[in-house]
Amino acid sequence: MNRSDSIKELAGALCKAQAVIEGAAKDKMNPAFRSKYADLAACWDAARKPLADNGLAVVQAATSDESGVKVETMLMHSSGEWLSDSLGIPLTKRDAHGVGAAVTYGRRFGFCAMVGICPEDDDGNKAAGKAEPEAAKAPRGSARETLQEAFDTLSVGGQEAMRARAQTLDELYAAKGINDVVNELEGWKLDADDKMALWFLLDSTLRSNIKREQARRQKLTTGEREFTDAMDAAA
């Protein structure tokens, strides 16, 4: 983390701001993870007034290179004191959508980490007797624990990249169908651990359809597969 020579005034102002900053509301639905999350706007809504009331402001900038995007977050105080740090996010797709998603993830996590915002806890759903999100329902037992462990062992950036991959497959399935989903998945050439982490994020319907399509392809000879793919593309 980088900082100005002194952060005395900034530290005092941040203490006052954090005393009144509340959790960011999880009011957006992630179509890939089938769960609610606090988006960047909700995080800003939770902190904007407390920061401004104490002479604090946040500026963020993004750059990119071959490894992905890097988002720098700077917390500034009216005294001129400042703190800054950067967060790197790998790209799942090198297009405008992929870059935009990575920058948004980087801004959200960088902002929350710098200011001290925590999204409201999902444990409240359990206490209230509400149903678990669909993604948490299957698979159960040791199989689910294995998949979750594979996801949990990823870095923060790795988890966000995997969520972006899951969302890509979810959107592709809705727009074009399972054939394109499996083509995209096979093109990523994920290792076994990454496949388990991704599998953990997909809903049961998409997982089942992927398995069926992969099984269908494995049964076909090369010639049959080329013919079937051509027919699928023409349909």
Protein backbone atom coordinates (compact mmCIF):
# COMPACT_ATOMS: atom_id res chain seq x y z
CA MET A 1 0.00 0.00 0.00
CA ASN A 2 1.22 3.48 -0.87
CA ARG A 3 0.62 6.51 1.33
CA SER A 4 1.49 10.14 1.92
CA ASP A 5 4.22 10.99 4.43
CA SER A 6 1.57 11.51 7.11
CA ILE A 7 -1.93 10.06 7.38
CA LYS A 8 -2.83 11.46 10.80
CA GLU A 9 -5.73 13.61 9.60
CA LEU A 10 -6.90 10.95 7.15
CA ALA A 11 -6.88 8.24 9.83
CA GLY A 12 -8.98 10.33 12.19
CA ALA A 13 -11.49 11.17 9.46
CA LEU A 14 -11.73 7.53 8.33
CA CYS A 15 -12.38 6.40 11.92
CA LYS A 16 -15.34 8.80 12.11
CA ALA A 17 -16.65 7.73 8.71
CA GLN A 18 -16.39 4.02 9.49
CA ALA A 19 -18.33 4.54 12.70
CA VAL A 20 -21.45 5.35 10.67
CA ILE A 21 -20.89 3.39 7.43
CA GLU A 22 -23.39 0.54 7.25
CA GLY A 23 -23.28 -2.70 5.26
CA ALA A 24 -23.92 -2.43 1.53
CA ALA A 25 -27.35 -3.78 0.58
CA LYS A 26 -27.33 -6.98 -1.51
CA ASP A 27 -30.03 -5.90 -3.95
CA LYS A 28 -28.72 -7.27 -7.26
CA MET A 29 -29.08 -10.83 -8.56
CA ASN A 30 -26.04 -12.60 -10.05
CA PRO A 31 -27.46 -14.80 -12.86
CA ALA A 32 -24.45 -17.14 -12.72
CA PHE A 33 -24.21 -17.59 -8.97
CA ARG A 34 -28.00 -17.46 -8.42
CA SER A 35 -27.53 -15.27 -5.36
CA LYS A 36 -27.87 -11.62 -4.44
CA TYR A 37 -24.88 -9.35 -4.16
CA ALA A 38 -24.05 -5.71 -3.44
CA ASP A 39 -23.04 -3.99 -6.66
CA LEU A 40 -20.68 -1.02 -6.96
CA ALA A 41 -23.53 1.49 -6.72
CA ALA A 42 -24.78 -0.09 -3.45
CA CYS A 43 -21.27 0.08 -1.99
CA TRP A 44 -21.02 3.76 -2.88
CA ASP A 45 -24.49 4.42 -1.48
CA ALA A 46 -23.38 2.95 1.85
CA ALA A 47 -20.30 5.15 2.12
CA ARG A 48 -20.79 8.32 0.05
CA LYS A 49 -22.25 10.59 2.75
CA PRO A 50 -20.04 9.39 5.66
CA LEU A 51 -16.97 9.92 3.49
CA ALA A 52 -18.03 13.37 2.28
CA ASP A 53 -19.04 14.48 5.79
CA ASN A 54 -15.50 13.76 6.96
CA GLY A 55 -13.60 15.33 4.09
CA LEU A 56 -12.79 12.02 2.37
CA ALA A 57 -12.98 11.15 -1.32
CA VAL A 58 -12.15 8.10 -3.42
CA VAL A 59 -10.70 8.12 -6.93
CA GLN A 60 -10.19 4.98 -9.02
CA ALA A 61 -8.33 4.41 -12.27
CA ALA A 62 -7.89 1.29 -14.42
CA THR A 63 -5.11 0.08 -16.70
CA SER A 64 -4.68 -3.17 -18.63
CA ASP A 65 -1.92 -5.40 -19.93
CA GLU A 66 -1.54 -8.98 -21.17
CA SER A 67 -2.27 -10.45 -17.73
CA GLY A 68 -5.53 -8.57 -17.15
CA VAL A 69 -6.66 -5.25 -15.71
CA LYS A 70 -5.37 -3.38 -12.69
CA VAL A 71 -7.57 -1.02 -10.71
CA GLU A 72 -5.90 1.56 -8.46
CA THR A 73 -7.99 2.95 -5.60
CA MET A 74 -6.92 6.17 -3.87
CA LEU A 75 -8.49 7.42 -0.64
CA MET A 76 -7.87 11.15 -0.22
CA HIS A 77 -8.45 13.59 2.64
CA SER A 78 -9.08 17.32 2.37
CA SER A 79 -5.76 17.86 4.21
CA GLY A 80 -3.92 16.44 1.21
CA GLU A 81 -3.11 13.10 2.86
CA TRP A 82 -3.80 9.93 0.89
CA LEU A 83 -3.65 6.13 0.73
CA SER A 84 -3.63 4.01 -2.43
CA ASP A 85 -3.37 0.41 -3.49
CA SER A 86 -3.96 -1.66 -6.63
CA LEU A 87 -5.92 -4.83 -7.33
CA GLY A 88 -5.24 -7.04 -10.35
CA ILE A 89 -8.09 -8.94 -12.03
CA PRO A 90 -7.41 -11.55 -14.75
CA LEU A 91 -9.49 -11.37 -17.92
CA THR A 92 -11.72 -14.27 -18.89
CA LYS A 93 -12.50 -12.75 -22.30
CA ARG A 94 -10.44 -10.16 -24.14
CA ASP A 95 -13.29 -8.04 -25.42
CA ALA A 96 -15.18 -4.97 -24.22
CA HIS A 97 -17.51 -7.05 -22.05
CA GLY A 98 -14.66 -8.93 -20.40
CA VAL A 99 -12.66 -5.77 -19.69
CA GLY A 100 -15.73 -3.94 -18.40
CA ALA A 101 -16.64 -6.79 -16.05
CA ALA A 102 -13.09 -7.03 -14.71
CA VAL A 103 -12.86 -3.27 -14.12
CA THR A 104 -16.20 -3.27 -12.30
CA TYR A 105 -15.12 -6.16 -10.08
CA GLY A 106 -11.82 -4.43 -9.37
CA ARG A 107 -13.48 -1.12 -8.51
CA ARG A 108 -16.01 -2.78 -6.21
CA PHE A 109 -13.51 -4.89 -4.28
CA GLY A 110 -10.88 -2.14 -4.19
CA PHE A 111 -13.39 0.42 -2.92
CA CYS A 112 -14.82 -1.87 -0.24
CA ALA A 113 -11.37 -2.91 0.97
CA MET A 114 -10.10 0.66 1.14
CA VAL A 115 -13.12 2.10 2.94
CA GLY A 116 -14.03 -0.91 5.08
CA ILE A 117 -17.42 -1.81 3.63
CA CYS A 118 -18.89 -5.28 4.18
CA PRO A 119 -21.94 -6.48 2.24
CA GLU A 120 -24.86 -7.47 4.44
CA ASP A 121 -24.45 -11.06 5.69
CA ASP A 122 -26.36 -13.83 3.95
CA ASP A 123 -26.60 -15.66 7.30
CA GLY A 124 -29.65 -13.49 7.94
CA ASN A 125 -31.53 -15.61 5.40
CA LYS A 126 -30.83 -18.75 7.41
CA ALA A 127 -31.89 -17.08 10.65
CA ALA A 128 -35.11 -15.97 8.99
CA GLY A 129 -35.78 -19.46 7.65
CA LYS A 130 -35.42 -18.41 4.03
CA ALA A 131 -34.40 -20.92 1.37
CA GLU A 132 -30.79 -21.18 0.27
CA PRO A 133 -29.89 -19.81 -3.19
CA GLU A 134 -30.24 -22.39 -5.96
CA ALA A 135 -26.48 -22.63 -6.45
CA ALA A 136 -26.11 -23.68 -2.81
CA LYS A 137 -28.63 -26.50 -3.09
CA ALA A 138 -26.63 -28.91 -5.25
CA PRO A 139 -24.64 -30.95 -5.16
CA ARG A 140 -25.01 -31.99 -1.49
CA GLY A 141 -22.69 -33.75 0.92
CA SER A 142 -19.05 -34.48 0.21
CA ALA A 143 -19.34 -33.70 -3.52
CA ARG A 144 -20.51 -30.16 -2.83
CA GLU A 145 -17.85 -29.68 -0.17
CA THR A 146 -15.17 -30.71 -2.66
CA LEU A 147 -16.43 -28.22 -5.24
CA GLN A 148 -16.69 -25.43 -2.69
CA GLU A 149 -13.20 -26.17 -1.41
CA ALA A 150 -11.87 -25.83 -4.96
CA PHE A 151 -13.58 -22.45 -5.26
CA ASP A 152 -12.53 -21.25 -1.79
CA THR A 153 -8.86 -21.99 -2.47
CA LEU A 154 -8.83 -19.45 -5.31
CA SER A 155 -7.55 -15.95 -4.64
CA VAL A 156 -10.05 -13.09 -4.47
CA GLY A 157 -9.17 -12.18 -8.03
CA GLY A 158 -9.44 -15.81 -9.09
CA GLN A 159 -12.90 -16.12 -7.54
CA GLU A 160 -14.11 -13.01 -9.33
CA ALA A 161 -12.67 -14.26 -12.61
CA MET A 162 -14.43 -17.59 -12.11
CA ARG A 163 -17.73 -15.83 -11.38
CA ALA A 164 -17.27 -13.90 -14.60
CA ARG A 165 -16.72 -17.19 -16.48
CA ALA A 166 -19.87 -18.65 -14.93
CA GLN A 167 -21.86 -15.57 -15.91
CA THR A 168 -20.50 -15.81 -19.45
CA LEU A 169 -21.72 -19.40 -19.74
CA ASP A 170 -25.09 -18.51 -18.23
CA GLU A 171 -25.61 -15.65 -20.70
CA LEU A 172 -24.37 -17.76 -23.61
CA TYR A 173 -26.78 -20.55 -22.69
CA ALA A 174 -29.70 -18.14 -22.61
CA ALA A 175 -28.74 -16.50 -25.90
CA LYS A 176 -27.45 -19.36 -28.07
CA GLY A 177 -27.86 -22.72 -26.34
CA ILE A 178 -25.84 -25.56 -24.88
CA ASN A 179 -23.71 -26.26 -27.98
CA ASP A 180 -22.10 -22.83 -27.79
CA VAL A 181 -21.70 -23.16 -24.03
CA VAL A 182 -19.68 -26.38 -24.36
CA ASN A 183 -17.62 -24.90 -27.21
CA GLU A 184 -16.75 -21.92 -25.00
CA LEU A 185 -15.99 -24.15 -22.01
CA GLU A 186 -13.71 -26.45 -23.98
CA GLY A 187 -11.90 -23.46 -25.46
CA TRP A 188 -10.86 -22.28 -21.98
CA LYS A 189 -8.85 -25.48 -21.35
CA LEU A 190 -9.28 -25.27 -17.57
CA ASP A 191 -7.37 -27.59 -15.27
CA ALA A 192 -9.20 -29.99 -12.94
CA ASP A 193 -9.27 -27.62 -9.95
CA ASP A 194 -10.58 -24.70 -11.98
CA LYS A 195 -13.25 -26.92 -13.52
CA MET A 196 -14.47 -27.89 -10.03
CA ALA A 197 -14.50 -24.26 -8.94
CA LEU A 198 -16.51 -23.29 -12.01
CA TRP A 199 -18.88 -26.25 -11.55
CA PHE A 200 -19.62 -25.00 -8.04
CA LEU A 201 -20.99 -21.74 -9.48
CA LEU A 202 -23.23 -23.18 -12.19
CA ASP A 203 -26.86 -23.98 -11.51
CA SER A 204 -28.08 -27.56 -11.68
CA THR A 205 -29.91 -27.21 -15.02
CA LEU A 206 -26.87 -25.85 -16.84
CA ARG A 207 -24.57 -28.45 -15.26
CA SER A 208 -26.86 -31.28 -16.37
CA ASN A 209 -27.10 -29.97 -19.92
CA ILE A 210 -23.34 -29.54 -20.16
CA LYS A 211 -22.79 -33.15 -19.03
CA ARG A 212 -25.32 -34.44 -21.53
CA GLU A 213 -23.77 -32.48 -24.40
CA GLN A 214 -20.26 -33.58 -23.47
CA ALA A 215 -21.40 -37.21 -23.26
CA ARG A 216 -23.08 -36.91 -26.66
CA ARG A 217 -19.90 -35.56 -28.20
CA GLN A 218 -17.75 -38.30 -26.71
CA LYS A 219 -19.92 -40.98 -28.31
CA LEU A 220 -19.62 -39.53 -31.80
CA THR A 221 -16.85 -40.37 -34.22
CA THR A 222 -14.91 -37.46 -35.68
CA GLY A 223 -16.92 -37.50 -38.90
CA GLU A 224 -20.23 -37.75 -37.09
CA ARG A 225 -19.24 -34.90 -34.80
CA GLU A 226 -18.31 -32.59 -37.69
CA PHE A 227 -21.60 -33.40 -39.41
CA THR A 228 -23.64 -32.89 -36.22
CA ASP A 229 -21.90 -29.60 -35.42
CA ALA A 230 -22.57 -28.40 -38.95
CA MET A 231 -26.26 -29.33 -38.60
CA ASP A 232 -26.44 -27.58 -35.24
CA ALA A 233 -24.92 -24.44 -36.75
CA ALA A 234 -27.37 -24.51 -39.66
CA ALA A 235 -30.40 -25.01 -37.44
